[in-house]
Amino acid sequence: MARPALPVLLVLCLSLLHFSCGRPSRTRKAVSAAEEEDVKSQIEKLWHEVNSLKEMQALQTVCLRGIKSHRKCYLTIEEPKHYHEANEDCIAQGGTLATPRDMMENNELRDYAKRSAPGSKDLWIGVADIVKEGQYVDVNSFPVSFVNWDRSKKQPTGTKRESCVVLSVSAQGKWYDEVCRSLKTYICEYVIP
């Protein structure tokens, strides 16, 4: 539905621009500065609407390829990358590494990862203790309130080498800390406005 609206808005913008700029010079003098500012303001508003529609269309494309849950879309990326490269890739696509906020969200990510990346047993999520050992934060540097450590393997191990967090599909969605330079698949999340 957003696709037909985009060309219409662009045509309207161009028409307004042509109308305001294409008048003969004697008529142009009759246009007040306020009217000119009003036309510029309308064009600016239309430009913002067009950009918003583009962003929504891109988000819908991501949501169609991934899953929707908790007012977010999630998308697994099966090309293994280092933690920081994975997060940069998510950001480049308009999201961040996924950060489960509760057990239900964690389990949905685990189940989605099983279906969408059957060959992957461990995926990067947006949690790390890079800045201060033992203080786990999300990719926006906010402390995480939910954790799902694999206590059977004494996680987190607490070593300075292992500062980035993995969701383990093979361990039923439990987390463990890992060396950030390890190559892993990952899950991006995109907030639905």
Protein backbone atom coordinates (compact mmCIF):
# COMPACT_ATOMS: atom_id res chain seq x y z
CA MET A 1 0.00 0.00 0.00
CA ALA A 2 2.94 2.35 0.67
CA ARG A 3 4.35 1.91 -2.85
CA PRO A 4 1.60 3.76 -4.78
CA ALA A 5 1.68 6.62 -2.25
CA LEU A 6 5.40 7.22 -2.73
CA PRO A 7 5.23 8.21 -6.43
CA VAL A 8 2.15 10.35 -5.77
CA LEU A 9 3.95 12.25 -3.00
CA LEU A 10 7.02 12.72 -5.19
CA VAL A 11 4.92 14.07 -8.06
CA LEU A 12 3.13 16.41 -5.65
CA CYS A 13 6.47 17.65 -4.26
CA LEU A 14 7.87 18.24 -7.71
CA SER A 15 4.67 20.00 -8.81
CA LEU A 16 4.79 22.34 -5.82
CA LEU A 17 8.44 23.03 -6.44
CA HIS A 18 7.83 23.68 -10.15
CA PHE A 19 4.82 25.86 -9.38
CA SER A 20 6.72 27.97 -6.86
CA CYS A 21 9.86 28.29 -8.98
CA GLY A 22 8.38 28.33 -12.48
CA ARG A 23 6.37 31.57 -12.32
CA PRO A 24 7.28 34.53 -14.52
CA SER A 25 9.45 37.12 -12.78
CA ARG A 26 6.75 39.85 -12.51
CA THR A 27 4.37 37.39 -10.76
CA ARG A 28 7.21 36.09 -8.62
CA LYS A 29 7.67 39.53 -7.05
CA ALA A 30 4.04 39.47 -5.96
CA VAL A 31 4.64 36.32 -3.88
CA SER A 32 5.35 37.31 -0.31
CA ALA A 33 8.19 35.87 1.72
CA ALA A 34 5.61 34.25 4.01
CA GLU A 35 4.00 32.44 1.09
CA GLU A 36 7.38 31.27 -0.11
CA GLU A 37 8.24 29.99 3.37
CA ASP A 38 4.86 28.22 3.50
CA VAL A 39 5.61 26.37 0.25
CA LYS A 40 9.07 25.44 1.50
CA SER A 41 7.53 24.18 4.74
CA GLN A 42 5.00 22.06 2.83
CA ILE A 43 7.76 20.56 0.69
CA GLU A 44 9.81 19.80 3.81
CA LYS A 45 6.82 18.06 5.44
CA LEU A 46 6.22 16.01 2.30
CA TRP A 47 9.90 15.07 2.16
CA HIS A 48 9.73 13.80 5.78
CA GLU A 49 6.59 11.80 4.96
CA VAL A 50 8.30 10.21 1.95
CA ASN A 51 11.30 9.24 4.10
CA SER A 52 9.00 7.82 6.79
CA LEU A 53 7.21 5.73 4.17
CA LYS A 54 10.56 4.44 2.88
CA GLU A 55 11.59 3.45 6.43
CA MET A 56 8.26 1.71 7.05
CA GLN A 57 8.54 -0.15 3.76
CA ALA A 58 12.08 -1.31 4.64
CA LEU A 59 10.89 -2.43 8.08
CA GLN A 60 7.98 -4.36 6.52
CA THR A 61 10.45 -6.13 4.23
CA VAL A 62 12.55 -7.15 7.24
CA CYS A 63 9.45 -8.30 9.12
CA LEU A 64 8.36 -10.44 6.18
CA ARG A 65 11.74 -12.20 6.15
CA GLY A 66 11.87 -12.61 9.94
CA ILE A 67 9.31 -12.72 12.75
CA LYS A 68 7.25 -10.12 14.63
CA SER A 69 6.99 -10.25 18.40
CA HIS A 70 6.87 -7.80 21.31
CA ARG A 71 6.51 -4.76 18.98
CA LYS A 72 9.76 -5.77 17.30
CA CYS A 73 10.87 -7.69 14.24
CA TYR A 74 13.69 -10.20 14.46
CA LEU A 75 15.87 -11.48 11.66
CA THR A 76 18.60 -14.12 11.87
CA ILE A 77 21.69 -13.55 9.79
CA GLU A 78 23.46 -16.78 8.89
CA GLU A 79 26.74 -15.25 7.73
CA PRO A 80 29.06 -15.65 10.74
CA LYS A 81 30.72 -12.45 11.98
CA HIS A 82 32.61 -11.14 14.99
CA TYR A 83 30.38 -9.58 17.67
CA HIS A 84 31.15 -5.97 16.71
CA GLU A 85 30.79 -6.65 12.97
CA ALA A 86 27.45 -8.34 13.63
CA ASN A 87 26.18 -5.35 15.61
CA GLU A 88 27.42 -2.92 12.94
CA ASP A 89 25.59 -4.97 10.30
CA CYS A 90 22.35 -4.83 12.31
CA ILE A 91 22.77 -1.06 12.75
CA ALA A 92 23.39 -0.63 9.00
CA GLN A 93 20.03 -2.37 8.42
CA GLY A 94 18.23 -0.08 10.91
CA GLY A 95 18.34 -2.31 13.99
CA THR A 96 20.67 -3.67 16.68
CA LEU A 97 21.67 -7.08 17.94
CA ALA A 98 18.63 -8.64 19.61
CA THR A 99 18.40 -8.35 23.39
CA PRO A 100 15.83 -10.59 25.09
CA ARG A 101 14.06 -8.67 27.88
CA ASP A 102 12.34 -11.66 29.52
CA MET A 103 12.09 -15.45 29.34
CA MET A 104 9.20 -15.40 26.86
CA GLU A 105 11.16 -13.23 24.43
CA ASN A 106 14.28 -15.36 24.96
CA ASN A 107 12.34 -18.55 24.16
CA GLU A 108 10.78 -16.99 21.07
CA LEU A 109 14.25 -16.01 19.83
CA ARG A 110 15.52 -19.53 20.53
CA ASP A 111 12.61 -21.13 18.65
CA TYR A 112 12.92 -18.69 15.77
CA ALA A 113 16.68 -19.36 15.53
CA LYS A 114 16.00 -23.13 15.41
CA ARG A 115 13.63 -22.67 12.47
CA SER A 116 15.45 -19.97 10.54
CA ALA A 117 19.07 -21.04 11.04
CA PRO A 118 18.96 -24.80 11.61
CA GLY A 119 22.72 -25.18 11.18
CA SER A 120 23.51 -22.57 13.83
CA LYS A 121 23.72 -23.66 17.44
CA ASP A 122 25.00 -20.37 18.94
CA LEU A 123 24.01 -16.81 17.99
CA TRP A 124 25.28 -13.41 19.11
CA ILE A 125 22.79 -11.34 21.09
CA GLY A 126 23.13 -7.71 22.15
CA VAL A 127 24.62 -8.23 25.61
CA ALA A 128 28.26 -7.75 26.70
CA ASP A 129 30.48 -6.77 29.63
CA ILE A 130 33.21 -5.13 27.56
CA VAL A 131 33.38 -1.87 29.55
CA LYS A 132 33.44 -3.34 33.05
CA GLU A 133 33.95 -7.03 33.79
CA GLY A 134 30.80 -8.60 35.24
CA GLN A 135 28.49 -5.66 34.45
CA TYR A 136 26.44 -6.81 31.49
CA VAL A 137 24.79 -4.14 29.35
CA ASP A 138 22.83 -4.11 26.10
CA VAL A 139 24.11 -2.54 22.88
CA ASN A 140 22.81 0.86 24.04
CA SER A 141 24.90 0.56 27.24
CA PHE A 142 21.87 0.05 29.50
CA PRO A 143 22.20 -2.58 32.25
CA VAL A 144 20.30 -5.76 31.41
CA SER A 145 17.63 -6.79 33.91
CA PHE A 146 17.04 -10.25 32.43
CA VAL A 147 19.76 -12.89 32.06
CA ASN A 148 19.56 -16.58 31.18
CA TRP A 149 23.01 -17.95 32.00
CA ASP A 150 23.82 -21.63 31.56
CA ARG A 151 24.61 -22.31 35.21
CA SER A 152 25.28 -25.99 34.48
CA LYS A 153 28.44 -24.78 32.69
CA LYS A 154 29.19 -22.17 35.37
CA GLN A 155 28.32 -19.26 33.10
CA PRO A 156 29.30 -16.51 32.92
CA THR A 157 32.89 -17.61 33.35
CA GLY A 158 33.99 -14.14 34.35
CA THR A 159 37.18 -13.99 32.30
CA LYS A 160 38.17 -10.73 30.62
CA ARG A 161 38.69 -12.58 27.34
CA GLU A 162 35.04 -13.61 27.12
CA SER A 163 33.02 -10.38 27.08
CA CYS A 164 30.26 -10.94 24.49
CA VAL A 165 27.14 -13.03 24.99
CA VAL A 166 25.77 -15.90 22.92
CA LEU A 167 22.31 -17.47 22.99
CA SER A 168 22.82 -21.21 22.68
CA VAL A 169 20.08 -22.99 20.73
CA SER A 170 21.61 -26.35 21.64
CA ALA A 171 21.42 -25.46 25.36
CA GLN A 172 17.71 -24.53 25.13
CA GLY A 173 18.30 -20.78 24.86
CA LYS A 174 20.74 -20.51 27.75
CA TRP A 175 23.47 -17.87 27.51
CA TYR A 176 27.22 -18.04 27.80
CA ASP A 177 29.98 -15.48 27.43
CA GLU A 178 32.37 -15.86 24.51
CA VAL A 179 35.42 -14.21 22.96
CA CYS A 180 34.05 -11.29 20.90
CA ARG A 181 36.33 -12.13 17.96
CA SER A 182 34.69 -15.55 17.50
CA LEU A 183 32.64 -15.96 14.35
CA LYS A 184 28.94 -16.55 15.05
CA THR A 185 25.61 -16.12 13.33
CA TYR A 186 23.39 -13.51 14.96
CA ILE A 187 19.90 -12.12 15.44
CA CYS A 188 19.02 -8.49 14.68
CA GLU A 189 16.02 -6.72 16.21
CA TYR A 190 14.07 -3.81 14.76
CA VAL A 191 11.65 -1.76 16.85
CA ILE A 192 8.23 -1.33 15.24
CA PRO A 193 7.17 2.33 15.63
